[in-house]
Amino acid sequence: MNTVTQTIERPVKPGANFTRGRTAPIRTQEPFELFRLSKSKFAVDVCPNTIRSYFKQGLPCYKRGKAVFVSRSELAQFIMG
């Protein structure tokens, strides 16, 4: 038998780690708290211009260089009143 055949025929243990010593990143089901203003239509289904008007009304925004970020929870609280 050649090496490839031996590897294929070897049974795989349940829960085997295929990262070869590296730990896989932990993924959570909930989305990230902040999202970019330019991606707001895809992230929360609200137009960026609407969120800009919320900024003028008091919604906090976070700037990093030219990028503007908005918190999902703060946006939800702002919309709910």
N, C-alpha and C. Protein backbone atom coordinates (compact mmCIF):
# COMPACT_ATOMS: atom_id res chain seq x y z
N MET A 1 0.83 -1.19 0.00
CA MET A 1 0.00 0.00 0.00
C MET A 1 0.87 1.25 0.00
N ASN A 2 0.44 2.22 -0.73
CA ASN A 2 1.19 3.47 -0.70
C ASN A 2 0.65 4.38 0.41
N THR A 3 1.32 5.47 0.66
CA THR A 3 0.98 6.36 1.77
C THR A 3 -0.41 6.97 1.62
N VAL A 4 -0.78 7.33 0.41
CA VAL A 4 -2.09 7.95 0.20
C VAL A 4 -3.20 6.98 0.56
N THR A 5 -3.10 5.75 0.15
CA THR A 5 -4.12 4.75 0.46
C THR A 5 -4.20 4.49 1.96
N GLN A 6 -3.08 4.46 2.63
CA GLN A 6 -3.07 4.24 4.08
C GLN A 6 -3.74 5.41 4.79
N THR A 7 -3.52 6.59 4.33
CA THR A 7 -4.12 7.77 4.96
C THR A 7 -5.62 7.77 4.78
N ILE A 8 -6.09 7.41 3.61
CA ILE A 8 -7.53 7.41 3.34
C ILE A 8 -8.23 6.32 4.12
N GLU A 9 -7.62 5.16 4.28
CA GLU A 9 -8.25 4.05 4.96
C GLU A 9 -8.25 4.19 6.47
N ARG A 10 -7.43 5.08 7.01
CA ARG A 10 -7.36 5.25 8.46
C ARG A 10 -8.64 5.93 8.95
N PRO A 11 -9.31 5.38 9.95
CA PRO A 11 -10.54 6.01 10.43
C PRO A 11 -10.24 7.33 11.14
N VAL A 12 -11.19 8.23 11.05
CA VAL A 12 -11.05 9.54 11.68
C VAL A 12 -11.81 9.53 12.99
N LYS A 13 -11.14 9.96 14.04
CA LYS A 13 -11.79 10.01 15.36
C LYS A 13 -12.80 11.15 15.40
N PRO A 14 -13.93 10.94 16.06
CA PRO A 14 -14.89 12.04 16.20
C PRO A 14 -14.25 13.18 17.00
N GLY A 15 -14.45 14.39 16.53
CA GLY A 15 -13.90 15.56 17.22
C GLY A 15 -12.42 15.76 16.98
N ALA A 16 -11.87 15.14 15.93
CA ALA A 16 -10.44 15.27 15.64
C ALA A 16 -10.12 16.70 15.25
N ASN A 17 -8.97 17.18 15.67
CA ASN A 17 -8.54 18.53 15.36
C ASN A 17 -7.62 18.48 14.14
N PHE A 18 -8.03 19.10 13.04
CA PHE A 18 -7.26 19.07 11.82
C PHE A 18 -6.37 20.30 11.66
N THR A 19 -6.23 21.11 12.70
CA THR A 19 -5.44 22.33 12.58
C THR A 19 -3.97 22.10 12.91
N ARG A 20 -3.57 20.89 13.24
CA ARG A 20 -2.19 20.51 13.51
C ARG A 20 -1.54 21.37 14.59
N GLY A 21 -2.15 21.39 15.74
CA GLY A 21 -1.58 22.08 16.88
C GLY A 21 -2.05 23.51 17.03
N ARG A 22 -2.62 24.08 16.01
CA ARG A 22 -3.14 25.45 16.12
C ARG A 22 -4.58 25.39 16.60
N THR A 23 -4.97 26.33 17.38
CA THR A 23 -6.35 26.36 17.84
C THR A 23 -7.20 27.12 16.84
N ALA A 24 -8.35 26.60 16.56
CA ALA A 24 -9.27 27.23 15.62
C ALA A 24 -9.93 28.43 16.29
N PRO A 25 -10.24 29.48 15.54
CA PRO A 25 -10.90 30.63 16.15
C PRO A 25 -12.30 30.27 16.63
N ILE A 26 -12.70 30.85 17.71
CA ILE A 26 -14.02 30.60 18.27
C ILE A 26 -15.02 31.50 17.57
N ARG A 27 -16.02 30.90 17.00
CA ARG A 27 -17.05 31.66 16.29
C ARG A 27 -18.30 31.73 17.16
N THR A 28 -18.87 32.90 17.27
CA THR A 28 -20.10 33.06 18.03
C THR A 28 -21.26 33.22 17.06
N GLN A 29 -22.44 32.93 17.51
CA GLN A 29 -23.62 33.04 16.68
C GLN A 29 -24.08 34.48 16.53
N GLU A 30 -23.78 35.32 17.50
CA GLU A 30 -24.23 36.70 17.42
C GLU A 30 -23.27 37.55 16.59
N PRO A 31 -23.80 38.52 15.84
CA PRO A 31 -22.93 39.35 15.00
C PRO A 31 -22.08 40.30 15.84
N PHE A 32 -21.06 40.84 15.22
CA PHE A 32 -20.17 41.78 15.90
C PHE A 32 -20.94 43.03 16.27
N GLU A 33 -20.61 43.63 17.40
CA GLU A 33 -21.35 44.78 17.94
C GLU A 33 -21.29 46.00 17.02
N LEU A 34 -20.15 46.31 16.45
CA LEU A 34 -20.01 47.49 15.61
C LEU A 34 -20.08 47.12 14.14
N PHE A 35 -20.62 48.03 13.34
CA PHE A 35 -20.63 47.84 11.90
C PHE A 35 -20.29 49.16 11.24
N ARG A 36 -19.75 49.09 10.01
CA ARG A 36 -19.40 50.29 9.27
C ARG A 36 -20.65 51.00 8.77
N LEU A 37 -20.60 52.30 8.79
CA LEU A 37 -21.71 53.08 8.27
C LEU A 37 -21.95 52.75 6.79
N SER A 38 -20.88 52.57 6.02
CA SER A 38 -21.03 52.27 4.60
C SER A 38 -21.66 50.90 4.34
N LYS A 39 -21.62 50.00 5.32
CA LYS A 39 -22.21 48.66 5.18
C LYS A 39 -23.52 48.53 5.95
N SER A 40 -24.10 49.64 6.36
CA SER A 40 -25.29 49.59 7.21
C SER A 40 -26.50 48.97 6.50
N LYS A 41 -26.62 49.15 5.20
CA LYS A 41 -27.75 48.56 4.48
C LYS A 41 -27.72 47.04 4.58
N PHE A 42 -26.54 46.45 4.52
CA PHE A 42 -26.42 44.99 4.61
C PHE A 42 -26.44 44.52 6.06
N ALA A 43 -25.89 45.32 6.98
CA ALA A 43 -25.77 44.90 8.38
C ALA A 43 -27.09 45.00 9.14
N VAL A 44 -27.80 46.13 9.00
CA VAL A 44 -29.02 46.33 9.78
C VAL A 44 -30.21 46.77 8.93
N ASP A 45 -30.04 46.80 7.61
CA ASP A 45 -31.10 47.17 6.67
C ASP A 45 -31.63 48.58 6.92
N VAL A 46 -30.70 49.50 7.20
CA VAL A 46 -31.02 50.92 7.34
C VAL A 46 -30.06 51.69 6.45
N CYS A 47 -30.59 52.63 5.69
CA CYS A 47 -29.78 53.41 4.76
C CYS A 47 -28.74 54.25 5.51
N PRO A 48 -27.53 54.39 4.96
CA PRO A 48 -26.51 55.21 5.62
C PRO A 48 -26.94 56.66 5.85
N ASN A 49 -27.70 57.22 4.92
CA ASN A 49 -28.15 58.60 5.10
C ASN A 49 -29.11 58.73 6.29
N THR A 50 -29.91 57.71 6.52
CA THR A 50 -30.81 57.73 7.68
C THR A 50 -30.00 57.70 8.97
N ILE A 51 -28.96 56.89 9.01
CA ILE A 51 -28.11 56.82 10.21
C ILE A 51 -27.35 58.13 10.40
N ARG A 52 -26.93 58.78 9.30
CA ARG A 52 -26.29 60.09 9.41
C ARG A 52 -27.24 61.11 10.05
N SER A 53 -28.52 61.04 9.70
CA SER A 53 -29.48 61.95 10.33
C SER A 53 -29.66 61.60 11.81
N TYR A 54 -29.54 60.30 12.17
CA TYR A 54 -29.58 59.91 13.58
C TYR A 54 -28.38 60.47 14.34
N PHE A 55 -27.22 60.57 13.67
CA PHE A 55 -26.05 61.17 14.30
C PHE A 55 -26.35 62.62 14.70
N LYS A 56 -27.02 63.34 13.83
CA LYS A 56 -27.37 64.75 14.12
C LYS A 56 -28.37 64.85 15.26
N GLN A 57 -29.17 63.78 15.45
CA GLN A 57 -30.15 63.76 16.53
C GLN A 57 -29.58 63.22 17.84
N GLY A 58 -28.32 62.75 17.82
CA GLY A 58 -27.69 62.33 19.06
C GLY A 58 -27.17 60.90 19.13
N LEU A 59 -27.32 60.12 18.08
CA LEU A 59 -26.77 58.76 18.08
C LEU A 59 -25.25 58.84 18.05
N PRO A 60 -24.55 58.18 18.98
CA PRO A 60 -23.09 58.23 18.97
C PRO A 60 -22.50 57.40 17.82
N CYS A 61 -21.39 57.91 17.28
CA CYS A 61 -20.66 57.18 16.25
C CYS A 61 -19.20 57.10 16.66
N TYR A 62 -18.50 56.15 16.10
CA TYR A 62 -17.10 55.92 16.43
C TYR A 62 -16.30 56.01 15.15
N LYS A 63 -15.29 56.88 15.13
CA LYS A 63 -14.50 57.12 13.93
C LYS A 63 -13.09 56.58 14.11
N ARG A 64 -12.61 55.92 13.07
CA ARG A 64 -11.23 55.44 13.01
C ARG A 64 -10.71 55.79 11.63
N GLY A 65 -9.96 56.87 11.54
CA GLY A 65 -9.55 57.37 10.23
C GLY A 65 -10.77 57.89 9.50
N LYS A 66 -10.96 57.43 8.28
CA LYS A 66 -12.15 57.84 7.51
C LYS A 66 -13.35 56.93 7.77
N ALA A 67 -13.12 55.80 8.41
CA ALA A 67 -14.21 54.84 8.66
C ALA A 67 -15.05 55.29 9.84
N VAL A 68 -16.35 55.16 9.69
CA VAL A 68 -17.30 55.50 10.75
C VAL A 68 -18.03 54.23 11.14
N PHE A 69 -18.05 53.94 12.44
CA PHE A 69 -18.69 52.73 12.96
C PHE A 69 -19.86 53.10 13.86
N VAL A 70 -20.85 52.21 13.91
CA VAL A 70 -22.05 52.39 14.71
C VAL A 70 -22.28 51.12 15.52
N SER A 71 -22.73 51.27 16.75
CA SER A 71 -23.03 50.14 17.61
C SER A 71 -24.45 49.65 17.32
N ARG A 72 -24.59 48.34 17.16
CA ARG A 72 -25.92 47.77 16.91
C ARG A 72 -26.87 48.02 18.09
N SER A 73 -26.38 47.81 19.30
CA SER A 73 -27.25 47.96 20.48
C SER A 73 -27.63 49.43 20.69
N GLU A 74 -26.70 50.35 20.47
CA GLU A 74 -27.03 51.77 20.61
C GLU A 74 -28.02 52.22 19.55
N LEU A 75 -27.87 51.68 18.33
CA LEU A 75 -28.84 52.01 17.27
C LEU A 75 -30.23 51.48 17.63
N ALA A 76 -30.30 50.26 18.14
CA ALA A 76 -31.59 49.68 18.52
C ALA A 76 -32.24 50.49 19.64
N GLN A 77 -31.45 50.89 20.64
CA GLN A 77 -31.99 51.70 21.73
C GLN A 77 -32.43 53.06 21.23
N PHE A 78 -31.68 53.64 20.29
CA PHE A 78 -32.03 54.95 19.74
C PHE A 78 -33.34 54.88 18.96
N ILE A 79 -33.51 53.84 18.17
CA ILE A 79 -34.74 53.71 17.37
C ILE A 79 -35.94 53.43 18.26
N MET A 80 -35.75 52.61 19.30
CA MET A 80 -36.86 52.29 20.20
C MET A 80 -37.27 53.49 21.06
N GLY A 81 -36.37 54.43 21.20
CA GLY A 81 -36.70 55.64 21.94
C GLY A 81 -36.26 55.59 23.30
